[in-house]
């Protein structure tokens, strides 16, 4: 898959996620990351990724991710948006099976980092 195909797939996923969220959003109390699991593994974040958590104006915890590129000639920063009732990790990292944490290695995010794009996203309140 070349860079244009990756970008088109991400754009389509973001639009679908935004439309679904706007149409079907309902209050949830399970949140992400799951309560008691604030730490994200290095396997999920990759070698350079990091997270940040803060409270929004309504007092909800918001969790963010950043996967910076180490490419010699960075091209840009992509904001990733997840679909309804899921999260950034679920949508953009590589799965390894049901109930197993998703990983950076072999993911869309790793592919984008390799071609010069940093990736960031937040798990939005829904």
Foldseek 3Di string as FASTA:
>chain_A
DDPVVLVVVQVVQQVQQVVQCVVPPDADDQDPPGPPPPDDDCQAQPDAKDKDWDADPVRDIKIKIKRAAPDPDADEEEEGDHHPPDFPQVPWFADDDPPDGGGNVPTSQVVCSVVHYMYMYMGDGD
